[in-house]
Amino acid sequence: MSRQNDRNNRGRKKKDDVIMNDDIRINELRVLGDDGEQFGIISRDEAMNIANEKALDLVLMSPDAKPPVAKIMDYGKYKYQLEKKKKEARKNQKKIEVKEVKFSCKIAENDIAYKVKHAREFLEKGKHVKLRVFLRGREMANPEWGVDVLNRVWPMVEDLGNLESPAKQEGRYINMYVTPLKK
């Protein structure tokens, strides 16, 4: 495929709605070069000729400006650099991992201690912990039983975490959210 044919295919509207090359229907544009050079306000045909000579694309940057601004650039390279910046930003984001510890209303004390041990380990590792009590059948009539279980659990983990949200009902669950203490 020739370079000119390739450029014509790239000139079609992309899914990101960038108007470029032959899709630009505005007669007069303020044109900027790829190296910062300013061509001033020229006709679309002149701008296309300059872009063709340099084997680059004419991309409409701000269509709402008076007159609209277009830039002569290698659009593929520009798009690649934008993607690279986005990936770098995502890589530097801190991922919050939330671990969930489930209890039931009729849980024994030794089972609570065992599950609290896991919740404490998660908090020590810097993970957020969601403590949940699932309400089965007729337990839905007494959601305060689930709140009582979580209120018994909270004193066992409060030295390692902050209470982000107190025990509250969400559907069939009573949830409590605990975040680790800042070091």
C-alpha atoms as a PDB file:
ATOM      1  CA  MET A   1       0.000   0.000   0.000  1.00  0.00           C
ATOM      2  CA  SER A   2       1.432   3.353  -0.972  1.00  0.00           C
ATOM      3  CA  ARG A   3       2.040   6.147   1.531  1.00  0.00           C
ATOM      4  CA  GLN A   4      -0.608   8.372  -0.094  1.00  0.00           C
ATOM      5  CA  ASN A   5      -3.220   5.588  -0.035  1.00  0.00           C
ATOM      6  CA  ASP A   6      -2.341   4.846   3.600  1.00  0.00           C
ATOM      7  CA  ARG A   7      -2.796   8.521   4.505  1.00  0.00           C
ATOM      8  CA  ASN A   8      -6.212   8.603   2.804  1.00  0.00           C
ATOM      9  CA  ASN A   9      -7.328   5.639   4.911  1.00  0.00           C
ATOM     10  CA  ARG A  10      -6.062   7.329   8.075  1.00  0.00           C
ATOM     11  CA  GLY A  11      -7.962  10.466   7.097  1.00  0.00           C
ATOM     12  CA  ARG A  12     -11.337   8.848   7.750  1.00  0.00           C
ATOM     13  CA  LYS A  13     -13.093   9.588  11.030  1.00  0.00           C
ATOM     14  CA  LYS A  14     -11.723   7.494  13.834  1.00  0.00           C
ATOM     15  CA  LYS A  15     -13.685   6.215  16.798  1.00  0.00           C
ATOM     16  CA  ASP A  16     -12.120   9.026  18.867  1.00  0.00           C
ATOM     17  CA  ASP A  17     -13.773  11.584  16.525  1.00  0.00           C
ATOM     18  CA  VAL A  18     -10.615  13.308  15.329  1.00  0.00           C
ATOM     19  CA  ILE A  19     -11.202  15.364  12.183  1.00  0.00           C
ATOM     20  CA  MET A  20      -8.228  15.173   9.885  1.00  0.00           C
ATOM     21  CA  ASN A  21      -7.037  15.430   6.274  1.00  0.00           C
ATOM     22  CA  ASP A  22      -9.905  15.307   3.734  1.00  0.00           C
ATOM     23  CA  ASP A  23     -12.604  15.274   6.450  1.00  0.00           C
ATOM     24  CA  ILE A  24     -11.834  18.913   7.297  1.00  0.00           C
ATOM     25  CA  ARG A  25     -14.568  20.978   5.628  1.00  0.00           C
ATOM     26  CA  ILE A  26     -13.535  24.433   6.853  1.00  0.00           C
ATOM     27  CA  ASN A  27     -12.080  26.755   4.179  1.00  0.00           C
ATOM     28  CA  GLU A  28      -9.752  28.897   6.325  1.00  0.00           C
ATOM     29  CA  LEU A  29      -7.588  27.506   9.129  1.00  0.00           C
ATOM     30  CA  ARG A  30      -4.894  28.745  11.467  1.00  0.00           C
ATOM     31  CA  VAL A  31      -2.166  26.191  10.756  1.00  0.00           C
ATOM     32  CA  LEU A  32       0.679  25.148  13.034  1.00  0.00           C
ATOM     33  CA  GLY A  33       3.601  23.023  11.903  1.00  0.00           C
ATOM     34  CA  ASP A  34       4.914  19.877  13.575  1.00  0.00           C
ATOM     35  CA  ASP A  35       8.045  21.730  14.726  1.00  0.00           C
ATOM     36  CA  GLY A  36       6.126  24.693  16.239  1.00  0.00           C
ATOM     37  CA  GLU A  37       6.281  26.703  13.003  1.00  0.00           C
ATOM     38  CA  GLN A  38       3.231  28.909  12.421  1.00  0.00           C
ATOM     39  CA  PHE A  39       1.870  29.169   8.898  1.00  0.00           C
ATOM     40  CA  GLY A  40      -0.813  31.683   9.889  1.00  0.00           C
ATOM     41  CA  ILE A  41      -4.336  31.709   8.483  1.00  0.00           C
ATOM     42  CA  ILE A  42      -4.337  29.869   5.162  1.00  0.00           C
ATOM     43  CA  SER A  43      -6.834  27.930   3.061  1.00  0.00           C
ATOM     44  CA  ARG A  44      -7.505  24.246   3.677  1.00  0.00           C
ATOM     45  CA  ASP A  45      -6.093  23.314   0.265  1.00  0.00           C
ATOM     46  CA  GLU A  46      -2.803  25.103   0.976  1.00  0.00           C
ATOM     47  CA  ALA A  47      -2.581  23.412   4.371  1.00  0.00           C
ATOM     48  CA  MET A  48      -3.256  19.992   2.772  1.00  0.00           C
ATOM     49  CA  ASN A  49      -0.517  20.670   0.199  1.00  0.00           C
ATOM     50  CA  ILE A  50       1.991  21.533   2.944  1.00  0.00           C
ATOM     51  CA  ALA A  51       1.004  18.396   4.878  1.00  0.00           C
ATOM     52  CA  ASN A  52       1.329  16.236   1.728  1.00  0.00           C
ATOM     53  CA  GLU A  53       4.788  17.669   0.970  1.00  0.00           C
ATOM     54  CA  LYS A  54       5.947  16.751   4.468  1.00  0.00           C
ATOM     55  CA  ALA A  55       4.130  13.353   4.291  1.00  0.00           C
ATOM     56  CA  LEU A  56       2.208  14.219   7.465  1.00  0.00           C
ATOM     57  CA  ASP A  57      -1.437  14.598   8.495  1.00  0.00           C
ATOM     58  CA  LEU A  58      -3.483  17.776   8.868  1.00  0.00           C
ATOM     59  CA  VAL A  59      -5.383  17.401  12.157  1.00  0.00           C
ATOM     60  CA  LEU A  60      -8.104  19.783  13.344  1.00  0.00           C
ATOM     61  CA  MET A  61      -7.104  20.565  16.955  1.00  0.00           C
ATOM     62  CA  SER A  62      -9.752  23.114  18.025  1.00  0.00           C
ATOM     63  CA  PRO A  63     -12.689  23.358  15.633  1.00  0.00           C
ATOM     64  CA  ASP A  64     -14.576  25.885  17.797  1.00  0.00           C
ATOM     65  CA  ALA A  65     -11.861  28.570  17.673  1.00  0.00           C
ATOM     66  CA  LYS A  66     -12.164  31.567  15.358  1.00  0.00           C
ATOM     67  CA  PRO A  67     -10.587  30.658  12.926  1.00  0.00           C
ATOM     68  CA  PRO A  68     -10.306  26.910  13.654  1.00  0.00           C
ATOM     69  CA  VAL A  69      -6.809  25.648  14.510  1.00  0.00           C
ATOM     70  CA  ALA A  70      -5.228  22.756  12.632  1.00  0.00           C
ATOM     71  CA  LYS A  71      -1.838  21.169  13.152  1.00  0.00           C
ATOM     72  CA  ILE A  72       0.419  19.370  10.710  1.00  0.00           C
ATOM     73  CA  MET A  73       1.717  16.253  12.494  1.00  0.00           C
ATOM     74  CA  ASP A  74       2.239  12.523  12.309  1.00  0.00           C
ATOM     75  CA  TYR A  75      -1.048  11.488  13.892  1.00  0.00           C
ATOM     76  CA  GLY A  76      -0.003   7.880  14.463  1.00  0.00           C
ATOM     77  CA  LYS A  77       3.045   8.992  16.451  1.00  0.00           C
ATOM     78  CA  TYR A  78       0.952  11.506  18.405  1.00  0.00           C
ATOM     79  CA  LYS A  79      -1.610   8.831  19.297  1.00  0.00           C
ATOM     80  CA  TYR A  80       1.163   6.436  20.361  1.00  0.00           C
ATOM     81  CA  GLN A  81       2.705   9.038  22.681  1.00  0.00           C
ATOM     82  CA  LEU A  82      -0.695   9.764  24.274  1.00  0.00           C
ATOM     83  CA  GLU A  83      -1.212   6.041  24.938  1.00  0.00           C
ATOM     84  CA  LYS A  84       2.266   5.823  26.422  1.00  0.00           C
ATOM     85  CA  LYS A  85       1.511   8.703  28.821  1.00  0.00           C
ATOM     86  CA  LYS A  86      -1.782   7.077  29.867  1.00  0.00           C
ATOM     87  CA  LYS A  87      -0.036   3.754  30.563  1.00  0.00           C
ATOM     88  CA  GLU A  88       2.619   5.508  32.631  1.00  0.00           C
ATOM     89  CA  ALA A  89      -0.062   7.297  34.658  1.00  0.00           C
ATOM     90  CA  ARG A  90      -1.903   4.010  35.274  1.00  0.00           C
ATOM     91  CA  LYS A  91       1.337   2.330  36.318  1.00  0.00           C
ATOM     92  CA  ASN A  92       1.957   4.977  38.984  1.00  0.00           C
ATOM     93  CA  GLN A  93      -1.549   4.678  40.446  1.00  0.00           C
ATOM     94  CA  LYS A  94      -1.856   3.049  43.834  1.00  0.00           C
ATOM     95  CA  LYS A  95      -4.169   0.057  43.706  1.00  0.00           C
ATOM     96  CA  ILE A  96      -6.343  -0.409  46.761  1.00  0.00           C
ATOM     97  CA  GLU A  97      -6.983  -4.047  47.486  1.00  0.00           C
ATOM     98  CA  VAL A  98     -10.130  -4.816  49.488  1.00  0.00           C
ATOM     99  CA  LYS A  99     -10.355  -8.101  51.341  1.00  0.00           C
ATOM    100  CA  GLU A 100     -13.669  -9.400  52.589  1.00  0.00           C
ATOM    101  CA  VAL A 101     -14.257 -11.334  55.823  1.00  0.00           C
ATOM    102  CA  LYS A 102     -17.704 -12.911  56.195  1.00  0.00           C
ATOM    103  CA  PHE A 103     -19.472 -13.707  59.420  1.00  0.00           C
ATOM    104  CA  SER A 104     -22.905 -15.087  60.275  1.00  0.00           C
ATOM    105  CA  CYS A 105     -25.319 -14.032  63.000  1.00  0.00           C
ATOM    106  CA  LYS A 106     -24.962 -17.316  64.893  1.00  0.00           C
ATOM    107  CA  ILE A 107     -21.158 -17.479  64.894  1.00  0.00           C
ATOM    108  CA  ALA A 108     -19.244 -18.887  67.857  1.00  0.00           C
ATOM    109  CA  GLU A 109     -16.596 -16.839  69.702  1.00  0.00           C
ATOM    110  CA  ASN A 110     -13.704 -19.064  68.577  1.00  0.00           C
ATOM    111  CA  ASP A 111     -14.825 -18.686  64.935  1.00  0.00           C
ATOM    112  CA  ILE A 112     -14.939 -14.908  65.365  1.00  0.00           C
ATOM    113  CA  ALA A 113     -11.389 -14.975  66.768  1.00  0.00           C
ATOM    114  CA  TYR A 114     -10.200 -17.077  63.803  1.00  0.00           C
ATOM    115  CA  LYS A 115     -11.733 -14.739  61.220  1.00  0.00           C
ATOM    116  CA  VAL A 116     -10.534 -11.630  63.073  1.00  0.00           C
ATOM    117  CA  LYS A 117      -7.003 -13.069  62.925  1.00  0.00           C
ATOM    118  CA  HIS A 118      -7.262 -13.030  59.104  1.00  0.00           C
ATOM    119  CA  ALA A 119      -8.690  -9.504  59.084  1.00  0.00           C
ATOM    120  CA  ARG A 120      -5.779  -8.330  61.275  1.00  0.00           C
ATOM    121  CA  GLU A 121      -3.274  -9.935  58.859  1.00  0.00           C
ATOM    122  CA  PHE A 122      -4.888  -8.090  55.943  1.00  0.00           C
ATOM    123  CA  LEU A 123      -4.773  -4.766  57.798  1.00  0.00           C
ATOM    124  CA  GLU A 124      -1.104  -5.321  58.722  1.00  0.00           C
ATOM    125  CA  LYS A 125      -0.334  -5.826  55.020  1.00  0.00           C
ATOM    126  CA  GLY A 126      -2.018  -2.483  54.227  1.00  0.00           C
ATOM    127  CA  LYS A 127      -5.152  -3.916  52.620  1.00  0.00           C
ATOM    128  CA  HIS A 128      -8.650  -2.533  53.214  1.00  0.00           C
ATOM    129  CA  VAL A 129     -11.063  -4.934  54.887  1.00  0.00           C
ATOM    130  CA  LYS A 130     -14.807  -5.242  54.432  1.00  0.00           C
ATOM    131  CA  LEU A 131     -16.426  -7.072  57.326  1.00  0.00           C
ATOM    132  CA  ARG A 132     -19.802  -8.579  56.365  1.00  0.00           C
ATOM    133  CA  VAL A 133     -22.575 -10.473  58.059  1.00  0.00           C
ATOM    134  CA  PHE A 134     -24.941 -12.337  55.735  1.00  0.00           C
ATOM    135  CA  LEU A 135     -28.548 -12.444  56.940  1.00  0.00           C
ATOM    136  CA  ARG A 136     -30.282 -15.739  56.149  1.00  0.00           C
ATOM    137  CA  GLY A 137     -34.033 -16.303  56.099  1.00  0.00           C
ATOM    138  CA  ARG A 138     -35.660 -15.068  59.298  1.00  0.00           C
ATOM    139  CA  GLU A 139     -32.490 -13.255  60.357  1.00  0.00           C
ATOM    140  CA  MET A 140     -33.650 -10.496  57.970  1.00  0.00           C
ATOM    141  CA  ALA A 141     -36.329  -9.655  60.554  1.00  0.00           C
ATOM    142  CA  ASN A 142     -33.571  -8.949  63.129  1.00  0.00           C
ATOM    143  CA  PRO A 143     -30.709  -7.144  61.354  1.00  0.00           C
ATOM    144  CA  GLU A 144     -29.493  -5.850  64.728  1.00  0.00           C
ATOM    145  CA  TRP A 145     -28.026  -9.352  65.327  1.00  0.00           C
ATOM    146  CA  GLY A 146     -25.602  -8.730  62.457  1.00  0.00           C
ATOM    147  CA  VAL A 147     -24.776  -5.270  63.784  1.00  0.00           C
ATOM    148  CA  ASP A 148     -24.054  -6.843  67.196  1.00  0.00           C
ATOM    149  CA  VAL A 149     -21.609  -9.330  65.623  1.00  0.00           C
ATOM    150  CA  LEU A 150     -19.716  -6.535  63.847  1.00  0.00           C
ATOM    151  CA  ASN A 151     -19.728  -4.404  67.001  1.00  0.00           C
ATOM    152  CA  ARG A 152     -18.073  -7.347  68.825  1.00  0.00           C
ATOM    153  CA  VAL A 153     -15.473  -7.619  66.014  1.00  0.00           C
ATOM    154  CA  TRP A 154     -14.557  -3.904  65.821  1.00  0.00           C
ATOM    155  CA  PRO A 155     -12.704  -3.697  69.208  1.00  0.00           C
ATOM    156  CA  MET A 156     -10.537  -6.636  68.086  1.00  0.00           C
ATOM    157  CA  VAL A 157      -9.215  -4.770  65.005  1.00  0.00           C
ATOM    158  CA  GLU A 158      -9.418  -1.098  66.022  1.00  0.00           C
ATOM    159  CA  ASP A 159      -5.723  -0.962  67.023  1.00  0.00           C
ATOM    160  CA  LEU A 160      -4.784  -1.712  63.375  1.00  0.00           C
ATOM    161  CA  GLY A 161      -7.439   0.178  61.441  1.00  0.00           C
ATOM    162  CA  ASN A 162      -9.732   3.143  61.040  1.00  0.00           C
ATOM    163  CA  LEU A 163     -13.480   2.664  60.886  1.00  0.00           C
ATOM    164  CA  GLU A 164     -14.275   4.008  57.410  1.00  0.00           C
ATOM    165  CA  SER A 165     -17.986   3.222  57.605  1.00  0.00           C
ATOM    166  CA  PRO A 166     -19.859   1.842  60.626  1.00  0.00           C
ATOM    167  CA  ALA A 167     -22.084  -1.242  60.487  1.00  0.00           C
ATOM    168  CA  LYS A 168     -25.028  -0.600  58.190  1.00  0.00           C
ATOM    169  CA  GLN A 169     -27.437  -2.780  56.254  1.00  0.00           C
ATOM    170  CA  GLU A 170     -27.164  -3.149  52.484  1.00  0.00           C
ATOM    171  CA  GLY A 171     -29.689  -5.671  51.233  1.00  0.00           C
ATOM    172  CA  ARG A 172     -29.045  -9.040  52.901  1.00  0.00           C
ATOM    173  CA  TYR A 173     -25.672  -7.901  54.265  1.00  0.00           C
ATOM    174  CA  ILE A 174     -24.590  -5.825  57.236  1.00  0.00           C
ATOM    175  CA  ASN A 175     -21.297  -4.204  56.169  1.00  0.00           C
ATOM    176  CA  MET A 176     -18.492  -2.462  58.021  1.00  0.00           C
ATOM    177  CA  TYR A 177     -15.488  -1.027  56.155  1.00  0.00           C
ATOM    178  CA  VAL A 178     -12.070  -0.785  57.862  1.00  0.00           C
ATOM    179  CA  THR A 179      -8.958   0.849  56.400  1.00  0.00           C
ATOM    180  CA  PRO A 180      -5.399   0.325  57.687  1.00  0.00           C
ATOM    181  CA  LEU A 181      -3.760   2.981  59.859  1.00  0.00           C
ATOM    182  CA  LYS A 182      -1.310   5.296  58.107  1.00  0.00           C
ATOM    183  CA  LYS A 183       2.300   4.439  58.894  1.00  0.00           C
END
